PDB file of all heavy atoms in Angstrom:
ATOM      1  N   TRP A   1       8.608  -7.138  -4.458  1.00  0.00           N
ATOM      2  CA  TRP A   1       9.391  -7.654  -5.544  1.00  0.00           C
ATOM      3  C   TRP A   1       9.814  -9.105  -5.315  1.00  0.00           C
ATOM      4  O   TRP A   1       9.907  -9.890  -6.260  1.00  0.00           O
ATOM      5  CB  TRP A   1      10.628  -6.757  -5.828  1.00  0.00           C
ATOM      6  CG  TRP A   1      10.206  -5.500  -6.500  1.00  0.00           C
ATOM      7  CD1 TRP A   1       9.000  -5.196  -7.005  1.00  0.00           C
ATOM      8  CD2 TRP A   1      11.041  -4.358  -6.749  1.00  0.00           C
ATOM      9  NE1 TRP A   1       9.003  -3.922  -7.549  1.00  0.00           N
ATOM     10  CE2 TRP A   1      10.228  -3.416  -7.437  1.00  0.00           C
ATOM     11  CE3 TRP A   1      12.367  -4.046  -6.480  1.00  0.00           C
ATOM     12  CZ2 TRP A   1      10.749  -2.139  -7.862  1.00  0.00           C
ATOM     13  CZ3 TRP A   1      12.890  -2.834  -6.899  1.00  0.00           C
ATOM     14  CH2 TRP A   1      12.080  -1.852  -7.576  1.00  0.00           C
ATOM     15  N   ILE A   2      10.093  -9.452  -4.074  1.00  0.00           N
ATOM     16  CA  ILE A   2      10.420 -10.869  -3.785  1.00  0.00           C
ATOM     17  C   ILE A   2       9.251 -11.770  -4.066  1.00  0.00           C
ATOM     18  O   ILE A   2       9.426 -12.884  -4.545  1.00  0.00           O
ATOM     19  CB  ILE A   2      10.878 -11.007  -2.311  1.00  0.00           C
ATOM     20  CG1 ILE A   2      12.269 -10.378  -2.113  1.00  0.00           C
ATOM     21  CG2 ILE A   2      10.931 -12.485  -1.875  1.00  0.00           C
ATOM     22  CD1 ILE A   2      12.698 -10.283  -0.678  1.00  0.00           C
ATOM     23  N   ASN A   3       8.045 -11.308  -3.813  1.00  0.00           N
ATOM     24  CA  ASN A   3       6.861 -12.138  -3.997  1.00  0.00           C
ATOM     25  C   ASN A   3       6.154 -11.930  -5.334  1.00  0.00           C
ATOM     26  O   ASN A   3       5.055 -12.397  -5.541  1.00  0.00           O
ATOM     27  CB  ASN A   3       5.855 -11.854  -2.873  1.00  0.00           C
ATOM     28  CG  ASN A   3       6.325 -12.412  -1.528  1.00  0.00           C
ATOM     29  OD1 ASN A   3       6.239 -13.592  -1.288  1.00  0.00           O
ATOM     30  ND2 ASN A   3       6.874 -11.523  -0.675  1.00  0.00           N
ATOM     31  N   ARG A   4       6.833 -11.241  -6.241  1.00  0.00           N
ATOM     32  CA  ARG A   4       6.266 -10.981  -7.552  1.00  0.00           C
ATOM     33  C   ARG A   4       5.907 -12.297  -8.274  1.00  0.00           C
ATOM     34  O   ARG A   4       4.943 -12.390  -9.029  1.00  0.00           O
ATOM     35  CB  ARG A   4       7.277 -10.169  -8.351  1.00  0.00           C
ATOM     36  CG  ARG A   4       6.804  -9.774  -9.759  1.00  0.00           C
ATOM     37  CD  ARG A   4       7.829  -8.854 -10.373  1.00  0.00           C
ATOM     38  NE  ARG A   4       7.518  -8.560 -11.759  1.00  0.00           N
ATOM     39  CZ  ARG A   4       7.896  -9.271 -12.810  1.00  0.00           C
ATOM     40  NH1 ARG A   4       8.633 -10.366 -12.596  1.00  0.00           N
ATOM     41  NH2 ARG A   4       7.527  -8.949 -14.038  1.00  0.00           N
ATOM     42  N   GLY A   5       6.719 -13.329  -8.014  1.00  0.00           N
ATOM     43  CA  GLY A   5       6.479 -14.596  -8.708  1.00  0.00           C
ATOM     44  C   GLY A   5       5.248 -15.346  -8.187  1.00  0.00           C
ATOM     45  O   GLY A   5       4.907 -16.401  -8.721  1.00  0.00           O
ATOM     46  N   GLN A   6       4.612 -14.864  -7.120  1.00  0.00           N
ATOM     47  CA  GLN A   6       3.441 -15.534  -6.544  1.00  0.00           C
ATOM     48  C   GLN A   6       2.170 -15.212  -7.318  1.00  0.00           C
ATOM     49  O   GLN A   6       1.085 -15.756  -6.996  1.00  0.00           O
ATOM     50  CB  GLN A   6       3.257 -15.165  -5.089  1.00  0.00           C
ATOM     51  CG  GLN A   6       4.441 -15.518  -4.229  1.00  0.00           C
ATOM     52  CD  GLN A   6       4.816 -17.001  -4.300  1.00  0.00           C
ATOM     53  OE1 GLN A   6       3.950 -17.856  -4.126  1.00  0.00           O
ATOM     54  NE2 GLN A   6       6.068 -17.303  -4.560  1.00  0.00           N
ATOM     55  N   VAL A   7       2.249 -14.326  -8.322  1.00  0.00           N
ATOM     56  CA  VAL A   7       1.090 -13.994  -9.110  1.00  0.00           C
ATOM     57  C   VAL A   7       1.338 -14.420 -10.551  1.00  0.00           C
ATOM     58  O   VAL A   7       2.467 -14.596 -10.962  1.00  0.00           O
ATOM     59  CB  VAL A   7       0.760 -12.488  -9.013  1.00  0.00           C
ATOM     60  CG1 VAL A   7       0.489 -12.081  -7.575  1.00  0.00           C
ATOM     61  CG2 VAL A   7       1.813 -11.625  -9.631  1.00  0.00           C
ATOM     62  N   THR A   8       0.253 -14.531 -11.304  1.00  0.00           N
ATOM     63  CA  THR A   8       0.396 -14.920 -12.721  1.00  0.00           C
ATOM     64  C   THR A   8       0.959 -13.773 -13.504  1.00  0.00           C
ATOM     65  O   THR A   8       0.921 -12.581 -13.074  1.00  0.00           O
ATOM     66  CB  THR A   8      -0.930 -15.333 -13.276  1.00  0.00           C
ATOM     67  OG1 THR A   8      -1.923 -14.269 -13.089  1.00  0.00           O
ATOM     68  CG2 THR A   8      -1.500 -16.588 -12.603  1.00  0.00           C
ATOM     69  N   PRO A   9       1.482 -14.032 -14.724  1.00  0.00           N
ATOM     70  CA  PRO A   9       2.103 -12.967 -15.520  1.00  0.00           C
ATOM     71  C   PRO A   9       1.189 -11.770 -15.772  1.00  0.00           C
ATOM     72  O   PRO A   9       1.711 -10.628 -15.937  1.00  0.00           O
ATOM     73  CB  PRO A   9       2.446 -13.691 -16.848  1.00  0.00           C
ATOM     74  CG  PRO A   9       2.687 -15.118 -16.433  1.00  0.00           C
ATOM     75  CD  PRO A   9       1.674 -15.361 -15.322  1.00  0.00           C
ATOM     76  N   ASN A  10      -0.089 -11.982 -15.804  1.00  0.00           N
ATOM     77  CA  ASN A  10      -1.015 -10.835 -16.037  1.00  0.00           C
ATOM     78  C   ASN A  10      -0.920  -9.771 -14.946  1.00  0.00           C
ATOM     79  O   ASN A  10      -1.299  -8.604 -15.217  1.00  0.00           O
ATOM     80  CB  ASN A  10      -2.429 -11.373 -16.077  1.00  0.00           C
ATOM     81  CG  ASN A  10      -2.782 -12.061 -17.374  1.00  0.00           C
ATOM     82  OD1 ASN A  10      -2.173 -11.802 -18.394  1.00  0.00           O
ATOM     83  ND2 ASN A  10      -3.673 -13.077 -17.281  1.00  0.00           N
ATOM     84  N   PHE A  11      -0.389 -10.119 -13.756  1.00  0.00           N
ATOM     85  CA  PHE A  11      -0.360  -9.144 -12.659  1.00  0.00           C
ATOM     86  C   PHE A  11       1.020  -8.774 -12.212  1.00  0.00           C
ATOM     87  O   PHE A  11       1.188  -8.009 -11.273  1.00  0.00           O
ATOM     88  CB  PHE A  11      -1.172  -9.720 -11.469  1.00  0.00           C
ATOM     89  CG  PHE A  11      -2.600  -9.969 -11.763  1.00  0.00           C
ATOM     90  CD1 PHE A  11      -3.049 -11.264 -12.065  1.00  0.00           C
ATOM     91  CD2 PHE A  11      -3.532  -8.927 -11.819  1.00  0.00           C
ATOM     92  CE1 PHE A  11      -4.393 -11.474 -12.357  1.00  0.00           C
ATOM     93  CE2 PHE A  11      -4.854  -9.154 -12.098  1.00  0.00           C
ATOM     94  CZ  PHE A  11      -5.300 -10.440 -12.361  1.00  0.00           C
ATOM     95  N   ARG A  12       2.047  -9.293 -12.896  1.00  0.00           N
ATOM     96  CA  ARG A  12       3.368  -9.003 -12.453  1.00  0.00           C
ATOM     97  C   ARG A  12       3.798  -7.562 -12.722  1.00  0.00           C
ATOM     98  O   ARG A  12       4.559  -6.970 -11.917  1.00  0.00           O
ATOM     99  CB  ARG A  12       4.389 -10.001 -13.101  1.00  0.00           C
ATOM    100  CG  ARG A  12       4.239 -11.379 -12.498  1.00  0.00           C
ATOM    101  CD  ARG A  12       5.102 -12.417 -13.122  1.00  0.00           C
ATOM    102  NE  ARG A  12       4.723 -13.731 -12.662  1.00  0.00           N
ATOM    103  CZ  ARG A  12       4.985 -14.868 -13.273  1.00  0.00           C
ATOM    104  NH1 ARG A  12       5.706 -14.869 -14.376  1.00  0.00           N
ATOM    105  NH2 ARG A  12       4.573 -16.012 -12.783  1.00  0.00           N
ATOM    106  N   ALA A  13       3.344  -6.947 -13.804  1.00  0.00           N
ATOM    107  CA  ALA A  13       3.631  -5.563 -14.037  1.00  0.00           C
ATOM    108  C   ALA A  13       3.056  -4.700 -12.946  1.00  0.00           C
ATOM    109  O   ALA A  13       3.684  -3.717 -12.482  1.00  0.00           O
ATOM    110  CB  ALA A  13       3.089  -5.154 -15.405  1.00  0.00           C
ATOM    111  N   THR A  14       1.849  -5.057 -12.475  1.00  0.00           N
ATOM    112  CA  THR A  14       1.215  -4.304 -11.390  1.00  0.00           C
ATOM    113  C   THR A  14       2.048  -4.357 -10.102  1.00  0.00           C
ATOM    114  O   THR A  14       2.245  -3.309  -9.451  1.00  0.00           O
ATOM    115  CB  THR A  14      -0.184  -4.879 -11.091  1.00  0.00           C
ATOM    116  OG1 THR A  14      -0.960  -4.873 -12.306  1.00  0.00           O
ATOM    117  CG2 THR A  14      -0.909  -4.083 -10.034  1.00  0.00           C
ATOM    118  N   ILE A  15       2.519  -5.560  -9.779  1.00  0.00           N
ATOM    119  CA  ILE A  15       3.347  -5.684  -8.579  1.00  0.00           C
ATOM    120  C   ILE A  15       4.692  -5.001  -8.715  1.00  0.00           C
ATOM    121  O   ILE A  15       5.223  -4.436  -7.728  1.00  0.00           O
ATOM    122  CB  ILE A  15       3.548  -7.176  -8.231  1.00  0.00           C
ATOM    123  CG1 ILE A  15       2.159  -7.870  -8.041  1.00  0.00           C
ATOM    124  CG2 ILE A  15       4.376  -7.341  -6.919  1.00  0.00           C
ATOM    125  CD1 ILE A  15       1.273  -7.209  -6.986  1.00  0.00           C
ATOM    126  N   THR A  16       5.195  -4.983  -9.897  1.00  0.00           N
ATOM    127  CA  THR A  16       6.444  -4.283 -10.152  1.00  0.00           C
ATOM    128  C   THR A  16       6.262  -2.776  -9.921  1.00  0.00           C
ATOM    129  O   THR A  16       7.087  -2.110  -9.240  1.00  0.00           O
ATOM    130  CB  THR A  16       6.935  -4.465 -11.585  1.00  0.00           C
ATOM    131  OG1 THR A  16       7.214  -5.845 -11.807  1.00  0.00           O
ATOM    132  CG2 THR A  16       8.223  -3.722 -11.883  1.00  0.00           C
ATOM    133  N   ILE A  17       5.136  -2.218 -10.385  1.00  0.00           N
ATOM    134  CA  ILE A  17       4.842  -0.802 -10.147  1.00  0.00           C
ATOM    135  C   ILE A  17       4.615  -0.503  -8.661  1.00  0.00           C
ATOM    136  O   ILE A  17       5.030   0.501  -8.135  1.00  0.00           O
ATOM    137  CB  ILE A  17       3.615  -0.373 -10.994  1.00  0.00           C
ATOM    138  CG1 ILE A  17       3.958  -0.413 -12.481  1.00  0.00           C
ATOM    139  CG2 ILE A  17       3.170   1.033 -10.577  1.00  0.00           C
ATOM    140  CD1 ILE A  17       2.753  -0.198 -13.393  1.00  0.00           C
ATOM    141  N   THR A  18       3.929  -1.479  -8.005  1.00  0.00           N
ATOM    142  CA  THR A  18       3.683  -1.310  -6.561  1.00  0.00           C
ATOM    143  C   THR A  18       4.991  -1.166  -5.801  1.00  0.00           C
ATOM    144  O   THR A  18       5.150  -0.311  -4.924  1.00  0.00           O
ATOM    145  CB  THR A  18       2.927  -2.521  -6.044  1.00  0.00           C
ATOM    146  OG1 THR A  18       1.666  -2.643  -6.753  1.00  0.00           O
ATOM    147  CG2 THR A  18       2.606  -2.381  -4.556  1.00  0.00           C
ATOM    148  N   GLY A  19       5.977  -2.006  -6.139  1.00  0.00           N
ATOM    149  CA  GLY A  19       7.285  -1.903  -5.522  1.00  0.00           C
ATOM    150  C   GLY A  19       8.004  -0.663  -5.908  1.00  0.00           C
ATOM    151  O   GLY A  19       8.768  -0.072  -5.094  1.00  0.00           O
ATOM    152  N   LEU A  20       7.834  -0.210  -7.147  1.00  0.00           N
ATOM    153  CA  LEU A  20       8.522   0.987  -7.606  1.00  0.00           C
ATOM    154  C   LEU A  20       7.969   2.236  -6.811  1.00  0.00           C
ATOM    155  O   LEU A  20       8.774   3.081  -6.450  1.00  0.00           O
ATOM    156  CB  LEU A  20       8.213   1.173  -9.130  1.00  0.00           C
ATOM    157  CG  LEU A  20       8.862   2.405  -9.732  1.00  0.00           C
ATOM    158  CD1 LEU A  20      10.373   2.380  -9.642  1.00  0.00           C
ATOM    159  CD2 LEU A  20       8.434   2.555 -11.212  1.00  0.00           C
ATOM    160  N   VAL A  21       6.686   2.249  -6.539  1.00  0.00           N
ATOM    161  CA  VAL A  21       6.125   3.341  -5.757  1.00  0.00           C
ATOM    162  C   VAL A  21       6.772   3.426  -4.369  1.00  0.00           C
ATOM    163  O   VAL A  21       7.230   4.485  -3.934  1.00  0.00           O
ATOM    164  CB  VAL A  21       4.597   3.173  -5.595  1.00  0.00           C
ATOM    165  CG1 VAL A  21       4.046   4.079  -4.511  1.00  0.00           C
ATOM    166  CG2 VAL A  21       3.897   3.447  -6.904  1.00  0.00           C
ATOM    167  N   THR A  22       6.876   2.285  -3.667  1.00  0.00           N
ATOM    168  CA  THR A  22       7.482   2.314  -2.349  1.00  0.00           C
ATOM    169  C   THR A  22       8.970   2.548  -2.399  1.00  0.00           C
ATOM    170  O   THR A  22       9.559   3.134  -1.457  1.00  0.00           O
ATOM    171  CB  THR A  22       7.168   1.034  -1.613  1.00  0.00           C
ATOM    172  OG1 THR A  22       7.514  -0.110  -2.383  1.00  0.00           O
ATOM    173  CG2 THR A  22       5.681   0.927  -1.219  1.00  0.00           C
ATOM    174  N   LEU A  23       9.630   2.134  -3.481  1.00  0.00           N
ATOM    175  CA  LEU A  23      11.041   2.439  -3.619  1.00  0.00           C
ATOM    176  C   LEU A  23      11.310   3.933  -3.769  1.00  0.00           C
ATOM    177  O   LEU A  23      12.213   4.491  -3.128  1.00  0.00           O
ATOM    178  CB  LEU A  23      11.612   1.672  -4.824  1.00  0.00           C
ATOM    179  CG  LEU A  23      13.114   1.961  -5.153  1.00  0.00           C
ATOM    180  CD1 LEU A  23      14.006   1.441  -4.026  1.00  0.00           C
ATOM    181  CD2 LEU A  23      13.512   1.319  -6.462  1.00  0.00           C
ATOM    182  N   ILE A  24      10.529   4.566  -4.639  1.00  0.00           N
ATOM    183  CA  ILE A  24      10.661   6.018  -4.791  1.00  0.00           C
ATOM    184  C   ILE A  24      10.371   6.760  -3.491  1.00  0.00           C
ATOM    185  O   ILE A  24      11.099   7.674  -3.119  1.00  0.00           O
ATOM    186  CB  ILE A  24       9.661   6.525  -5.899  1.00  0.00           C
ATOM    187  CG1 ILE A  24      10.084   5.947  -7.259  1.00  0.00           C
ATOM    188  CG2 ILE A  24       9.658   8.052  -5.928  1.00  0.00           C
ATOM    189  CD1 ILE A  24       9.062   6.193  -8.331  1.00  0.00           C
ATOM    190  N   ALA A  25       9.355   6.286  -2.772  1.00  0.00           N
ATOM    191  CA  ALA A  25       9.034   6.897  -1.497  1.00  0.00           C
ATOM    192  C   ALA A  25      10.167   6.703  -0.505  1.00  0.00           C
ATOM    193  O   ALA A  25      10.529   7.608   0.260  1.00  0.00           O
ATOM    194  CB  ALA A  25       7.726   6.330  -0.946  1.00  0.00           C
ATOM    195  N   ALA A  26      10.742   5.504  -0.441  1.00  0.00           N
ATOM    196  CA  ALA A  26      11.841   5.238   0.458  1.00  0.00           C
ATOM    197  C   ALA A  26      13.028   6.146   0.192  1.00  0.00           C
ATOM    198  O   ALA A  26      13.595   6.711   1.131  1.00  0.00           O
ATOM    199  CB  ALA A  26      12.284   3.774   0.352  1.00  0.00           C
ATOM    200  N   TYR A  27      13.377   6.316  -1.065  1.00  0.00           N
ATOM    201  CA  TYR A  27      14.492   7.209  -1.424  1.00  0.00           C
ATOM    202  C   TYR A  27      14.228   8.625  -0.948  1.00  0.00           C
ATOM    203  O   TYR A  27      15.096   9.290  -0.337  1.00  0.00           O
ATOM    204  CB  TYR A  27      14.721   7.186  -2.922  1.00  0.00           C
ATOM    205  CG  TYR A  27      15.690   8.257  -3.394  1.00  0.00           C
ATOM    206  CD1 TYR A  27      17.031   8.145  -3.232  1.00  0.00           C
ATOM    207  CD2 TYR A  27      15.153   9.429  -3.986  1.00  0.00           C
ATOM    208  CE1 TYR A  27      17.894   9.139  -3.595  1.00  0.00           C
ATOM    209  CE2 TYR A  27      16.021  10.438  -4.390  1.00  0.00           C
ATOM    210  CZ  TYR A  27      17.402  10.285  -4.185  1.00  0.00           C
ATOM    211  OH  TYR A  27      18.244  11.304  -4.597  1.00  0.00           O
ATOM    212  N   ASN A  28      13.060   9.143  -1.251  1.00  0.00           N
ATOM    213  CA  ASN A  28      12.761  10.527  -0.882  1.00  0.00           C
ATOM    214  C   ASN A  28      12.643  10.717   0.619  1.00  0.00           C
ATOM    215  O   ASN A  28      13.032  11.800   1.118  1.00  0.00           O
ATOM    216  CB  ASN A  28      11.472  10.998  -1.582  1.00  0.00           C
ATOM    217  CG  ASN A  28      11.740  11.323  -3.053  1.00  0.00           C
ATOM    218  OD1 ASN A  28      12.389  12.337  -3.387  1.00  0.00           O
ATOM    219  ND2 ASN A  28      11.283  10.485  -3.934  1.00  0.00           N
ATOM    220  N   TYR A  29      12.175   9.695   1.335  1.00  0.00           N
ATOM    221  CA  TYR A  29      12.131   9.862   2.803  1.00  0.00           C
ATOM    222  C   TYR A  29      13.535   9.793   3.401  1.00  0.00           C
ATOM    223  O   TYR A  29      13.796  10.485   4.385  1.00  0.00           O
ATOM    224  CB  TYR A  29      11.232   8.793   3.452  1.00  0.00           C
ATOM    225  CG  TYR A  29       9.848   9.317   3.629  1.00  0.00           C
ATOM    226  CD1 TYR A  29       8.854   9.077   2.693  1.00  0.00           C
ATOM    227  CD2 TYR A  29       9.465  10.095   4.719  1.00  0.00           C
ATOM    228  CE1 TYR A  29       7.580   9.619   2.803  1.00  0.00           C
ATOM    229  CE2 TYR A  29       8.222  10.608   4.877  1.00  0.00           C
ATOM    230  CZ  TYR A  29       7.275  10.368   3.904  1.00  0.00           C
ATOM    231  OH  TYR A  29       6.023  10.922   4.039  1.00  0.00           O
ATOM    232  N   PHE A  30      14.407   9.046   2.788  1.00  0.00           N
ATOM    233  CA  PHE A  30      15.799   9.036   3.213  1.00  0.00           C
ATOM    234  C   PHE A  30      16.422  10.397   3.025  1.00  0.00           C
ATOM    235  O   PHE A  30      17.126  10.921   3.913  1.00  0.00           O
ATOM    236  CB  PHE A  30      16.602   7.949   2.425  1.00  0.00           C
ATOM    237  CG  PHE A  30      18.066   7.945   2.797  1.00  0.00           C
ATOM    238  CD1 PHE A  30      18.505   7.474   4.017  1.00  0.00           C
ATOM    239  CD2 PHE A  30      19.002   8.395   1.892  1.00  0.00           C
ATOM    240  CE1 PHE A  30      19.865   7.477   4.326  1.00  0.00           C
ATOM    241  CE2 PHE A  30      20.354   8.382   2.184  1.00  0.00           C
ATOM    242  CZ  PHE A  30      20.812   7.936   3.395  1.00  0.00           C
ATOM    243  N   ARG A  31      16.167  11.033   1.867  1.00  0.00           N
ATOM    244  CA  ARG A  31      16.679  12.335   1.593  1.00  0.00           C
ATOM    245  C   ARG A  31      16.078  13.396   2.529  1.00  0.00           C
ATOM    246  O   ARG A  31      16.768  14.313   2.951  1.00  0.00           O
ATOM    247  CB  ARG A  31      16.431  12.716   0.129  1.00  0.00           C
ATOM    248  CG  ARG A  31      17.182  11.864  -0.884  1.00  0.00           C
ATOM    249  CD  ARG A  31      18.716  11.889  -0.639  1.00  0.00           C
ATOM    250  NE  ARG A  31      19.234  13.249  -0.634  1.00  0.00           N
ATOM    251  CZ  ARG A  31      19.679  13.925  -1.676  1.00  0.00           C
ATOM    252  NH1 ARG A  31      19.609  13.305  -2.892  1.00  0.00           N
ATOM    253  NH2 ARG A  31      20.209  15.101  -1.572  1.00  0.00           N
ATOM    254  N   MET A  32      14.758  13.241   2.823  1.00  0.00           N
ATOM    255  CA  MET A  32      14.162  14.183   3.761  1.00  0.00           C
ATOM    256  C   MET A  32      14.750  14.050   5.153  1.00  0.00           C
ATOM    257  O   MET A  32      14.960  15.071   5.831  1.00  0.00           O
ATOM    258  CB  MET A  32      12.608  13.968   3.799  1.00  0.00           C
ATOM    259  CG  MET A  32      11.899  14.614   2.638  1.00  0.00           C
ATOM    260  SD  MET A  32      10.120  14.674   2.869  1.00  0.00           S
ATOM    261  CE  MET A  32       9.659  12.957   2.755  1.00  0.00           C
ATOM    262  N   PHE A  33      15.035  12.832   5.558  1.00  0.00           N
ATOM    263  CA  PHE A  33      15.695  12.601   6.883  1.00  0.00           C
ATOM    264  C   PHE A  33      17.043  13.306   6.897  1.00  0.00           C
ATOM    265  O   PHE A  33      17.380  13.952   7.862  1.00  0.00           O
ATOM    266  CB  PHE A  33      15.802  11.087   7.135  1.00  0.00           C
ATOM    267  CG  PHE A  33      16.574  10.789   8.393  1.00  0.00           C
ATOM    268  CD1 PHE A  33      15.970  10.946   9.661  1.00  0.00           C
ATOM    269  CD2 PHE A  33      17.892  10.372   8.335  1.00  0.00           C
ATOM    270  CE1 PHE A  33      16.670  10.674  10.793  1.00  0.00           C
ATOM    271  CE2 PHE A  33      18.606  10.100   9.502  1.00  0.00           C
ATOM    272  CZ  PHE A  33      17.970  10.230  10.761  1.00  0.00           C
ATOM    273  N   GLN A  34      17.797  13.121   5.829  1.00  0.00           N
ATOM    274  CA  GLN A  34      19.121  13.811   5.763  1.00  0.00           C
ATOM    275  C   GLN A  34      18.988  15.282   5.824  1.00  0.00           C
ATOM    276  O   GLN A  34      19.750  15.969   6.530  1.00  0.00           O
ATOM    277  CB  GLN A  34      19.861  13.348   4.459  1.00  0.00           C
ATOM    278  CG  GLN A  34      20.380  11.961   4.416  1.00  0.00           C
ATOM    279  CD  GLN A  34      21.102  11.706   3.116  1.00  0.00           C
ATOM    280  OE1 GLN A  34      20.634  12.040   2.046  1.00  0.00           O
ATOM    281  NE2 GLN A  34      22.302  11.110   3.230  1.00  0.00           N
ATOM    282  N   SER A  35      18.019  15.839   5.057  1.00  0.00           N
ATOM    283  CA  SER A  35      17.820  17.253   5.020  1.00  0.00           C
ATOM    284  C   SER A  35      17.378  17.799   6.380  1.00  0.00           C
ATOM    285  O   SER A  35      17.824  18.874   6.833  1.00  0.00           O
ATOM    286  CB  SER A  35      16.814  17.601   3.946  1.00  0.00           C
ATOM    287  OG  SER A  35      16.609  18.994   3.873  1.00  0.00           O
ATOM    288  N   TRP A  36      16.500  17.058   7.053  1.00  0.00           N
ATOM    289  CA  TRP A  36      16.024  17.462   8.358  1.00  0.00           C
ATOM    290  C   TRP A  36      17.180  17.508   9.372  1.00  0.00           C
ATOM    291  O   TRP A  36      17.305  18.469  10.159  1.00  0.00           O
ATOM    292  CB  TRP A  36      14.929  16.501   8.842  1.00  0.00           C
ATOM    293  CG  TRP A  36      14.294  16.903  10.114  1.00  0.00           C
ATOM    294  CD1 TRP A  36      14.512  16.322  11.386  1.00  0.00           C
ATOM    295  CD2 TRP A  36      13.287  17.880  10.343  1.00  0.00           C
ATOM    296  NE1 TRP A  36      13.703  16.939  12.332  1.00  0.00           N
ATOM    297  CE2 TRP A  36      12.932  17.888  11.712  1.00  0.00           C
ATOM    298  CE3 TRP A  36      12.625  18.767   9.471  1.00  0.00           C
ATOM    299  CZ2 TRP A  36      11.972  18.715  12.222  1.00  0.00           C
ATOM    300  CZ3 TRP A  36      11.677  19.609  10.027  1.00  0.00           C
ATOM    301  CH2 TRP A  36      11.372  19.586  11.366  1.00  0.00           C
ATOM    302  N   GLU A  37      18.004  16.464   9.357  1.00  0.00           N
ATOM    303  CA  GLU A  37      19.148  16.409  10.260  1.00  0.00           C
ATOM    304  C   GLU A  37      20.143  17.540   9.958  1.00  0.00           C
ATOM    305  O   GLU A  37      20.862  18.023  10.867  1.00  0.00           O
ATOM    306  CB  GLU A  37      19.849  15.042  10.156  1.00  0.00           C
ATOM    307  CG  GLU A  37      19.025  13.914  10.706  1.00  0.00           C
ATOM    308  CD  GLU A  37      18.977  13.886  12.214  1.00  0.00           C
ATOM    309  OE1 GLU A  37      20.024  13.985  12.848  1.00  0.00           O
ATOM    310  OE2 GLU A  37      17.866  13.768  12.755  1.00  0.00           O
TER     311      GLU A  37
END
């Protein structure tokens, strides 16, 4: 998301989705860590 501006507008939605994927994964791994502990 910080580097989203390094691509032209045609590809910014793609990079936004790319960051959304890792954000969702980060949240669920945090919850799995809590559940495991």
